[in-house]
N, C-alpha and C. Protein backbone atom coordinates (compact mmCIF):
# COMPACT_ATOMS: atom_id res chain seq x y z
N UNK A 1 0.92 -1.15 0.09
CA UNK A 1 -0.05 -0.04 0.01
C UNK A 1 0.80 1.22 -0.01
N UNK A 2 0.60 2.22 -0.80
CA UNK A 2 1.46 3.44 -0.88
C UNK A 2 1.07 4.24 0.23
N UNK A 3 1.92 5.20 0.50
CA UNK A 3 1.90 6.18 1.62
C UNK A 3 0.63 7.02 1.61
N UNK A 4 0.21 7.46 0.41
CA UNK A 4 -0.91 8.26 0.30
C UNK A 4 -2.16 7.57 0.71
N UNK A 5 -2.39 6.44 0.20
CA UNK A 5 -3.45 5.54 0.59
C UNK A 5 -3.52 5.29 2.16
N UNK A 6 -2.35 5.16 2.67
CA UNK A 6 -2.26 4.82 4.01
C UNK A 6 -2.69 6.11 4.87
N UNK A 7 -2.29 7.25 4.53
CA UNK A 7 -2.54 8.43 5.09
C UNK A 7 -4.02 8.77 4.84
N UNK A 8 -4.57 8.59 3.74
CA UNK A 8 -6.11 8.69 3.60
C UNK A 8 -6.89 7.84 4.57
N UNK A 9 -6.46 6.54 4.69
CA UNK A 9 -7.20 5.64 5.54
C UNK A 9 -7.11 6.16 7.03
N UNK A 10 -6.04 6.55 7.50
CA UNK A 10 -5.75 7.07 8.76
C UNK A 10 -6.66 8.40 8.93
N UNK A 11 -6.76 9.29 7.92
CA UNK A 11 -7.50 10.56 8.10
C UNK A 11 -9.06 10.16 8.12
N UNK A 12 -9.53 9.18 7.33
CA UNK A 12 -10.82 8.72 7.30
C UNK A 12 -11.21 8.18 8.78
N UNK A 13 -10.31 7.38 9.33
CA UNK A 13 -10.59 6.79 10.64
C UNK A 13 -10.65 7.87 11.70
N UNK A 14 -9.82 8.97 11.58
CA UNK A 14 -9.93 10.12 12.63
C UNK A 14 -11.23 10.79 12.38
N UNK A 15 -11.63 11.08 11.13
CA UNK A 15 -12.94 11.76 10.91
C UNK A 15 -14.11 10.81 11.53
N UNK A 16 -14.10 9.48 11.30
CA UNK A 16 -15.08 8.60 11.98
C UNK A 16 -15.07 8.75 13.49
N UNK A 17 -13.94 8.71 14.07
CA UNK A 17 -13.66 8.79 15.47
C UNK A 17 -14.33 10.08 15.96
N UNK A 18 -13.88 11.15 15.38
CA UNK A 18 -14.53 12.46 15.79
C UNK A 18 -16.09 12.45 15.66
N UNK A 19 -16.57 12.08 14.60
CA UNK A 19 -17.92 12.00 14.48
C UNK A 19 -18.74 11.01 15.43
N UNK A 20 -18.04 10.03 16.07
CA UNK A 20 -18.49 9.19 16.93
C UNK A 20 -18.65 9.79 18.46
N UNK A 21 -17.85 10.66 18.68
CA UNK A 21 -17.72 11.38 20.09
C UNK A 21 -19.05 11.94 20.42
N UNK A 22 -19.23 12.01 21.69
CA UNK A 22 -20.37 12.76 22.23
C UNK A 22 -20.11 14.22 22.03
N UNK A 23 -21.17 15.09 22.02
CA UNK A 23 -21.00 16.37 21.61
C UNK A 23 -21.59 17.27 22.83
N UNK A 24 -20.99 18.53 22.96
CA UNK A 24 -21.76 19.53 23.76
C UNK A 24 -22.65 20.23 23.03
N UNK A 25 -24.03 20.40 23.48
CA UNK A 25 -24.88 21.07 22.67
C UNK A 25 -25.24 22.40 23.50
N UNK A 26 -25.28 23.43 22.56
CA UNK A 26 -25.51 24.83 23.02
C UNK A 26 -26.94 25.16 22.53
N UNK A 27 -27.72 25.56 23.26
CA UNK A 27 -29.31 25.79 22.97
C UNK A 27 -29.58 26.92 22.14
N UNK A 28 -28.66 27.82 21.93
CA UNK A 28 -28.97 29.00 21.13
C UNK A 28 -29.67 30.09 21.99
N UNK A 29 -29.95 29.86 23.27
CA UNK A 29 -30.53 30.86 24.10
C UNK A 29 -29.66 31.53 25.01
N UNK A 30 -28.70 30.90 25.68
CA UNK A 30 -27.94 31.47 26.65
C UNK A 30 -26.55 30.74 27.08
N UNK A 31 -26.27 29.81 26.35
CA UNK A 31 -25.20 28.85 26.64
C UNK A 31 -23.88 29.23 25.76
N UNK A 32 -22.88 29.17 26.57
CA UNK A 32 -21.43 29.38 25.65
C UNK A 32 -20.38 28.78 26.58
N UNK A 33 -19.17 28.57 25.79
CA UNK A 33 -18.02 28.08 26.52
C UNK A 33 -16.92 29.20 26.32
N UNK A 34 -16.17 29.51 27.37
CA UNK A 34 -15.07 30.48 27.19
C UNK A 34 -13.83 29.94 27.67
N UNK A 35 -12.70 30.53 26.92
CA UNK A 35 -11.44 30.13 27.33
C UNK A 35 -10.59 31.45 27.20
N UNK A 36 -9.42 31.62 28.08
CA UNK A 36 -8.50 32.75 27.94
C UNK A 36 -7.25 32.23 27.36
N UNK A 37 -6.64 32.89 26.48
CA UNK A 37 -5.38 32.68 25.88
C UNK A 37 -5.02 33.93 25.05
N UNK A 38 -3.74 34.07 24.77
CA UNK A 38 -3.25 35.32 23.86
C UNK A 38 -3.52 34.79 22.49
N UNK A 39 -4.34 35.48 21.75
CA UNK A 39 -4.61 35.13 20.34
C UNK A 39 -3.44 35.51 19.46
N UNK A 40 -3.07 34.68 18.54
CA UNK A 40 -1.99 35.04 17.65
C UNK A 40 -2.55 36.18 16.60
N UNK A 41 -1.57 36.72 16.01
CA UNK A 41 -2.04 37.67 15.02
C UNK A 41 -2.52 37.01 13.66
N UNK A 42 -2.42 35.76 13.53
CA UNK A 42 -2.81 34.83 12.42
C UNK A 42 -2.97 33.39 13.03
N UNK A 43 -4.00 32.81 12.51
CA UNK A 43 -4.11 31.37 12.88
C UNK A 43 -5.22 30.66 12.26
N UNK A 44 -5.28 29.32 12.36
CA UNK A 44 -6.26 28.42 11.98
C UNK A 44 -6.93 27.80 13.12
N UNK A 45 -8.30 27.85 13.10
CA UNK A 45 -9.03 27.39 14.22
C UNK A 45 -9.95 26.28 13.67
N UNK A 46 -10.13 25.22 14.48
CA UNK A 46 -11.09 24.00 13.86
C UNK A 46 -12.19 23.83 14.93
N UNK A 47 -13.30 23.53 14.35
CA UNK A 47 -14.42 23.18 15.10
C UNK A 47 -15.08 21.97 14.25
N UNK A 48 -15.53 20.88 14.98
CA UNK A 48 -16.15 19.70 14.61
C UNK A 48 -17.58 20.01 15.11
N UNK A 49 -18.46 20.26 14.20
CA UNK A 49 -19.82 20.73 14.75
C UNK A 49 -20.89 20.49 13.85
N UNK A 50 -22.26 20.66 14.30
CA UNK A 50 -23.26 20.64 13.55
C UNK A 50 -24.29 21.92 13.96
N UNK A 51 -24.69 22.59 12.87
CA UNK A 51 -25.54 23.60 12.99
C UNK A 51 -26.94 23.03 13.35
N UNK A 52 -27.54 22.93 14.44
CA UNK A 52 -28.74 22.35 14.77
C UNK A 52 -30.00 23.21 14.29
N UNK A 53 -29.71 24.53 14.41
CA UNK A 53 -30.61 25.50 13.61
C UNK A 53 -29.72 26.56 13.06
N UNK A 54 -30.34 27.34 12.19
CA UNK A 54 -29.64 28.51 11.61
C UNK A 54 -30.36 29.82 11.69
N UNK A 55 -29.55 30.74 12.31
CA UNK A 55 -30.25 32.08 12.55
C UNK A 55 -29.17 33.07 12.24
N UNK A 56 -29.28 34.01 11.22
CA UNK A 56 -28.50 34.99 10.90
C UNK A 56 -27.74 35.69 12.10
N UNK A 57 -26.47 35.70 11.87
CA UNK A 57 -25.41 36.29 12.77
C UNK A 57 -25.19 35.58 14.15
N UNK A 58 -25.88 34.40 14.30
CA UNK A 58 -25.43 33.59 15.51
C UNK A 58 -23.91 33.17 15.31
N UNK A 59 -23.18 33.18 16.40
CA UNK A 59 -21.76 33.11 16.38
C UNK A 59 -21.32 31.80 16.99
N UNK A 60 -20.55 31.12 16.13
CA UNK A 60 -19.81 29.84 16.55
C UNK A 60 -18.63 29.99 17.43
N UNK A 61 -17.82 31.10 17.03
CA UNK A 61 -16.40 31.25 17.61
C UNK A 61 -16.25 32.77 17.63
N UNK A 62 -15.97 33.42 18.69
CA UNK A 62 -15.78 34.80 18.75
C UNK A 62 -14.59 35.09 19.75
N UNK A 63 -13.88 36.19 19.49
CA UNK A 63 -12.80 36.70 20.39
C UNK A 63 -13.37 37.44 21.49
N UNK A 64 -12.54 37.49 22.60
CA UNK A 64 -12.74 38.33 23.69
C UNK A 64 -11.55 39.07 24.16
N UNK A 65 -11.68 40.24 24.76
CA UNK A 65 -10.64 40.99 25.22
C UNK A 65 -9.75 41.87 24.39
N UNK A 66 -10.30 41.93 23.04
CA UNK A 66 -9.53 42.73 22.12
C UNK A 66 -10.04 44.20 22.20
N UNK A 67 -9.75 44.93 21.11
CA UNK A 67 -10.21 46.34 21.02
C UNK A 67 -11.78 46.39 21.28
N UNK A 68 -12.47 45.36 20.65
CA UNK A 68 -13.80 45.12 20.95
C UNK A 68 -13.95 43.69 21.35
N UNK A 69 -15.03 43.31 21.94
CA UNK A 69 -15.33 41.98 22.21
C UNK A 69 -15.44 40.94 21.05
N UNK A 70 -15.74 41.59 19.95
CA UNK A 70 -15.92 40.76 18.73
C UNK A 70 -14.93 41.03 17.60
N UNK A 71 -13.64 41.12 17.93
CA UNK A 71 -12.66 41.38 17.02
C UNK A 71 -12.75 40.50 15.93
N UNK A 72 -12.84 39.31 16.06
CA UNK A 72 -13.08 38.23 14.98
C UNK A 72 -14.12 37.21 15.29
N UNK A 73 -14.86 36.81 14.28
CA UNK A 73 -15.86 35.72 14.50
C UNK A 73 -16.02 34.83 13.43
N UNK A 74 -16.47 33.68 13.65
CA UNK A 74 -16.92 32.65 12.70
C UNK A 74 -18.55 32.64 13.08
N UNK A 75 -19.35 32.84 12.01
CA UNK A 75 -20.79 32.92 12.32
C UNK A 75 -21.69 32.69 11.30
N UNK A 76 -22.95 32.57 11.42
CA UNK A 76 -23.94 32.19 10.48
C UNK A 76 -24.27 33.44 9.78
N UNK A 77 -24.16 33.57 8.46
CA UNK A 77 -24.28 34.85 7.66
C UNK A 77 -25.18 34.71 6.50
N UNK A 78 -25.74 35.56 6.17
CA UNK A 78 -26.54 35.80 4.78
C UNK A 78 -27.74 34.94 4.77
N UNK A 79 -27.66 33.63 4.33
CA UNK A 79 -28.82 32.80 4.23
C UNK A 79 -28.41 31.34 4.59
N UNK A 80 -29.23 30.56 5.06
CA UNK A 80 -28.93 29.23 5.48
C UNK A 80 -28.43 28.38 4.36
N UNK A 81 -27.38 27.67 4.49
CA UNK A 81 -26.61 27.31 5.75
C UNK A 81 -25.21 28.07 5.74
N UNK A 82 -25.16 29.24 5.29
CA UNK A 82 -23.90 29.87 5.04
C UNK A 82 -23.17 30.29 6.36
N UNK A 83 -21.87 30.09 6.41
CA UNK A 83 -21.06 30.50 7.54
C UNK A 83 -19.99 31.57 6.83
N UNK A 84 -19.66 32.52 7.83
CA UNK A 84 -18.68 33.52 7.26
C UNK A 84 -17.74 33.78 8.48
N UNK A 85 -16.62 34.57 7.89
CA UNK A 85 -15.58 35.15 8.72
C UNK A 85 -15.78 36.60 8.84
N UNK A 86 -15.45 37.15 10.13
CA UNK A 86 -15.40 38.63 10.34
C UNK A 86 -14.33 38.98 11.27
N UNK A 87 -13.60 39.99 10.84
CA UNK A 87 -12.64 40.69 11.68
C UNK A 87 -12.52 42.17 11.27
N UNK A 88 -13.66 42.77 11.08
CA UNK A 88 -13.72 44.05 10.55
C UNK A 88 -14.39 44.05 9.26
N UNK A 89 -14.39 43.07 8.54
CA UNK A 89 -14.90 42.89 7.24
C UNK A 89 -15.64 41.39 7.22
N UNK A 90 -16.96 41.42 6.67
CA UNK A 90 -17.54 40.08 6.50
C UNK A 90 -17.23 39.46 5.25
N UNK A 91 -16.55 38.29 5.24
CA UNK A 91 -16.09 37.64 3.95
C UNK A 91 -16.14 36.23 4.06
N UNK A 92 -15.88 35.59 3.00
CA UNK A 92 -15.64 33.92 2.87
C UNK A 92 -17.03 33.30 3.19
N UNK A 93 -18.16 33.65 2.83
CA UNK A 93 -19.48 32.85 3.04
C UNK A 93 -19.30 31.57 2.33
N UNK A 94 -19.50 30.55 3.26
CA UNK A 94 -19.29 29.27 2.74
C UNK A 94 -20.65 28.32 3.25
N UNK A 95 -21.34 27.77 2.16
CA UNK A 95 -22.49 26.96 2.49
C UNK A 95 -22.37 25.55 2.50
N UNK A 96 -21.14 25.07 2.76
CA UNK A 96 -20.86 23.59 2.71
C UNK A 96 -21.29 22.74 3.86
N UNK A 97 -21.85 23.39 4.96
CA UNK A 97 -22.19 22.69 6.10
C UNK A 97 -23.67 22.79 6.23
N UNK A 98 -24.45 21.72 5.84
CA UNK A 98 -25.91 21.79 5.91
C UNK A 98 -26.43 21.74 7.47
N UNK A 99 -27.53 22.40 7.68
CA UNK A 99 -28.22 22.16 8.98
C UNK A 99 -28.26 20.81 9.33
N UNK A 100 -28.05 20.37 10.59
CA UNK A 100 -28.33 19.17 11.12
C UNK A 100 -27.32 18.05 10.64
N UNK A 101 -26.17 18.55 10.15
CA UNK A 101 -25.08 17.60 9.60
C UNK A 101 -23.94 17.97 10.35
N UNK A 102 -23.05 16.89 10.78
CA UNK A 102 -21.77 17.20 11.41
C UNK A 102 -20.79 17.42 10.30
N UNK A 103 -19.86 18.28 10.56
CA UNK A 103 -18.69 18.46 9.72
C UNK A 103 -17.58 19.10 10.48
N UNK A 104 -16.35 19.31 9.68
CA UNK A 104 -15.17 20.01 10.37
C UNK A 104 -15.05 21.15 9.64
N UNK A 105 -14.96 22.23 10.46
CA UNK A 105 -14.90 23.67 9.87
C UNK A 105 -13.42 24.04 10.15
N UNK A 106 -12.75 24.57 9.19
CA UNK A 106 -11.31 25.17 9.49
C UNK A 106 -11.56 26.64 9.08
N UNK A 107 -11.19 27.56 9.99
CA UNK A 107 -11.30 29.05 9.84
C UNK A 107 -9.85 29.55 9.93
N UNK A 108 -9.30 30.10 8.84
CA UNK A 108 -8.02 30.59 8.87
C UNK A 108 -8.06 32.12 8.78
N UNK A 109 -7.56 32.84 9.83
CA UNK A 109 -7.53 34.26 9.85
C UNK A 109 -6.11 34.75 9.46
N UNK A 110 -5.82 35.26 8.36
CA UNK A 110 -4.39 35.70 7.95
C UNK A 110 -4.50 36.75 6.90
N UNK A 111 -5.14 37.82 7.14
CA UNK A 111 -5.33 38.97 6.28
C UNK A 111 -6.02 38.51 4.98
N UNK A 112 -5.25 38.86 3.83
CA UNK A 112 -5.79 38.60 2.45
C UNK A 112 -5.69 37.13 2.12
N UNK A 113 -5.00 36.31 3.00
CA UNK A 113 -4.85 34.85 2.80
C UNK A 113 -5.84 34.01 3.73
N UNK A 114 -6.89 34.71 4.30
CA UNK A 114 -7.87 34.00 5.08
C UNK A 114 -8.66 33.24 4.25
N UNK A 115 -9.24 32.09 4.99
CA UNK A 115 -10.12 31.14 4.25
C UNK A 115 -11.06 30.42 5.27
N UNK A 116 -12.10 29.92 4.67
CA UNK A 116 -13.08 29.07 5.49
C UNK A 116 -13.38 27.82 4.65
N UNK A 117 -13.07 26.70 5.38
CA UNK A 117 -13.32 25.40 4.55
C UNK A 117 -14.07 24.54 5.45
N UNK A 118 -15.04 23.94 4.84
CA UNK A 118 -15.84 22.84 5.42
C UNK A 118 -15.40 21.40 4.92
N UNK A 119 -15.05 20.56 5.87
CA UNK A 119 -14.50 19.11 5.49
C UNK A 119 -13.42 19.34 4.47
N UNK A 120 -13.54 18.56 3.49
CA UNK A 120 -12.46 18.65 2.38
C UNK A 120 -12.97 19.45 1.15
N UNK A 121 -14.02 20.29 1.39
CA UNK A 121 -14.52 21.09 0.32
C UNK A 121 -13.63 22.20 -0.06
N UNK A 122 -14.10 22.91 -1.19
CA UNK A 122 -13.27 24.07 -1.66
C UNK A 122 -13.34 25.17 -0.69
N UNK A 123 -12.22 25.73 -0.14
CA UNK A 123 -12.33 26.88 0.69
C UNK A 123 -12.77 28.17 0.09
N UNK A 124 -13.55 28.97 0.75
CA UNK A 124 -13.92 30.27 0.36
C UNK A 124 -12.95 31.25 1.13
N UNK A 125 -12.57 32.36 0.38
CA UNK A 125 -11.53 33.11 0.73
C UNK A 125 -11.90 34.72 0.93
N UNK A 126 -11.15 35.30 1.52
CA UNK A 126 -11.35 36.83 1.58
C UNK A 126 -10.49 37.46 2.60
N UNK A 127 -10.56 38.82 2.78
CA UNK A 127 -9.71 39.50 3.77
C UNK A 127 -10.62 40.10 4.84
N UNK A 128 -10.76 39.25 6.03
CA UNK A 128 -11.74 39.78 7.14
C UNK A 128 -11.12 40.87 7.94
N UNK A 129 -9.68 41.08 7.78
CA UNK A 129 -9.06 41.96 8.72
C UNK A 129 -8.19 41.34 9.71
N UNK A 130 -7.65 41.99 10.58
CA UNK A 130 -6.72 41.56 11.64
C UNK A 130 -7.31 41.01 12.77
N UNK A 131 -6.80 40.00 13.53
CA UNK A 131 -7.41 39.51 14.72
C UNK A 131 -6.52 39.79 15.98
N UNK A 132 -7.10 39.91 17.06
CA UNK A 132 -6.42 40.11 18.28
C UNK A 132 -7.43 39.63 19.41
N UNK A 133 -6.94 39.88 20.70
CA UNK A 133 -7.84 39.34 21.79
C UNK A 133 -6.93 38.52 22.78
N UNK A 134 -7.76 38.14 23.85
CA UNK A 134 -7.15 37.39 24.95
C UNK A 134 -8.03 36.08 25.27
N UNK A 135 -8.76 35.71 24.31
CA UNK A 135 -9.56 34.59 24.54
C UNK A 135 -10.63 34.44 23.61
N UNK A 136 -11.49 33.38 23.79
CA UNK A 136 -12.51 32.97 22.79
C UNK A 136 -13.72 32.56 23.56
N UNK A 137 -14.89 32.77 22.77
CA UNK A 137 -16.22 32.24 23.32
C UNK A 137 -16.74 31.27 22.23
N UNK A 138 -17.17 30.19 22.53
CA UNK A 138 -17.93 29.34 21.62
C UNK A 138 -19.39 29.41 21.81
N UNK A 139 -20.11 29.62 20.69
CA UNK A 139 -21.56 29.60 20.63
C UNK A 139 -22.11 30.97 21.14
N UNK A 140 -21.35 31.95 21.11
CA UNK A 140 -21.82 33.28 21.61
C UNK A 140 -20.84 34.36 20.99
N UNK A 141 -21.40 35.65 20.98
CA UNK A 141 -20.51 36.66 20.63
C UNK A 141 -19.41 37.03 21.83
N UNK A 142 -18.53 37.66 21.58
CA UNK A 142 -17.40 37.85 22.57
C UNK A 142 -17.83 38.39 23.82
N UNK A 143 -19.00 39.19 23.91
CA UNK A 143 -19.50 39.69 25.11
C UNK A 143 -20.35 38.82 25.94
N UNK A 144 -20.47 37.58 25.37
CA UNK A 144 -21.23 36.52 26.16
C UNK A 144 -22.74 36.81 26.41
N UNK A 145 -23.27 37.81 25.60
CA UNK A 145 -24.59 38.33 26.06
C UNK A 145 -25.44 38.18 24.64
N UNK A 146 -25.01 37.92 23.66
CA UNK A 146 -25.92 37.91 22.29
C UNK A 146 -25.25 36.89 21.38
N UNK A 147 -26.01 36.82 20.22
CA UNK A 147 -25.58 35.90 19.11
C UNK A 147 -25.38 34.51 19.51
N UNK A 148 -26.20 34.02 20.34
CA UNK A 148 -25.98 32.58 20.86
C UNK A 148 -26.38 31.54 19.73
N UNK A 149 -25.47 30.54 19.41
CA UNK A 149 -25.69 29.68 18.36
C UNK A 149 -26.26 28.36 18.89
N UNK A 150 -27.23 27.89 18.15
CA UNK A 150 -27.74 26.45 18.51
C UNK A 150 -27.01 25.44 17.76
N UNK A 151 -25.88 24.99 18.40
CA UNK A 151 -25.01 24.08 17.66
C UNK A 151 -24.69 22.89 18.63
N UNK A 152 -23.99 21.87 18.09
CA UNK A 152 -23.51 20.77 18.71
C UNK A 152 -22.03 20.70 18.42
N UNK A 153 -21.24 20.76 19.38
CA UNK A 153 -19.72 20.66 19.07
C UNK A 153 -19.17 19.46 19.57
N UNK A 154 -18.30 18.82 18.73
CA UNK A 154 -17.58 17.55 19.07
C UNK A 154 -16.19 17.80 19.40
N UNK A 155 -15.56 18.94 18.81
CA UNK A 155 -14.16 19.02 19.00
C UNK A 155 -13.82 20.52 18.67
N UNK A 156 -12.72 20.98 19.32
CA UNK A 156 -12.26 22.38 19.12
C UNK A 156 -10.78 22.31 18.99
N UNK A 157 -10.27 23.04 18.08
CA UNK A 157 -8.70 22.98 17.96
C UNK A 157 -8.14 24.30 17.40
């Protein structure tokens, strides 16, 4: 067996393992998860999740402690099931994750080289702006008081 096939088999087994894990469900009303860390000036963030419902501007991942509480976001944008990036500019709308379907979301914040990818689909790109902050909130805006998302999360990275 060549190395590429072997790596693809390992990747597929990891995807199946992630999808079999129990999830944390956020009800879209008032639940969120918070963590404090120094956000890099650029980075890629991963979420294994399902959009249980879709509501415009509900937030999957948001910064805390920056110039504003929402310096950068991954959120539901435009029309179902689109997800987008925001760090001053709304960009990279991606409709690859259907509602009530688990998938892996990769959000790269890196100025003009930013991208949003669902599973192994084609990434959408754009320049959302620069990121900063000292933490993150999952399933809420950075202030922890609005834009609560009704999602199930299996993994964060």
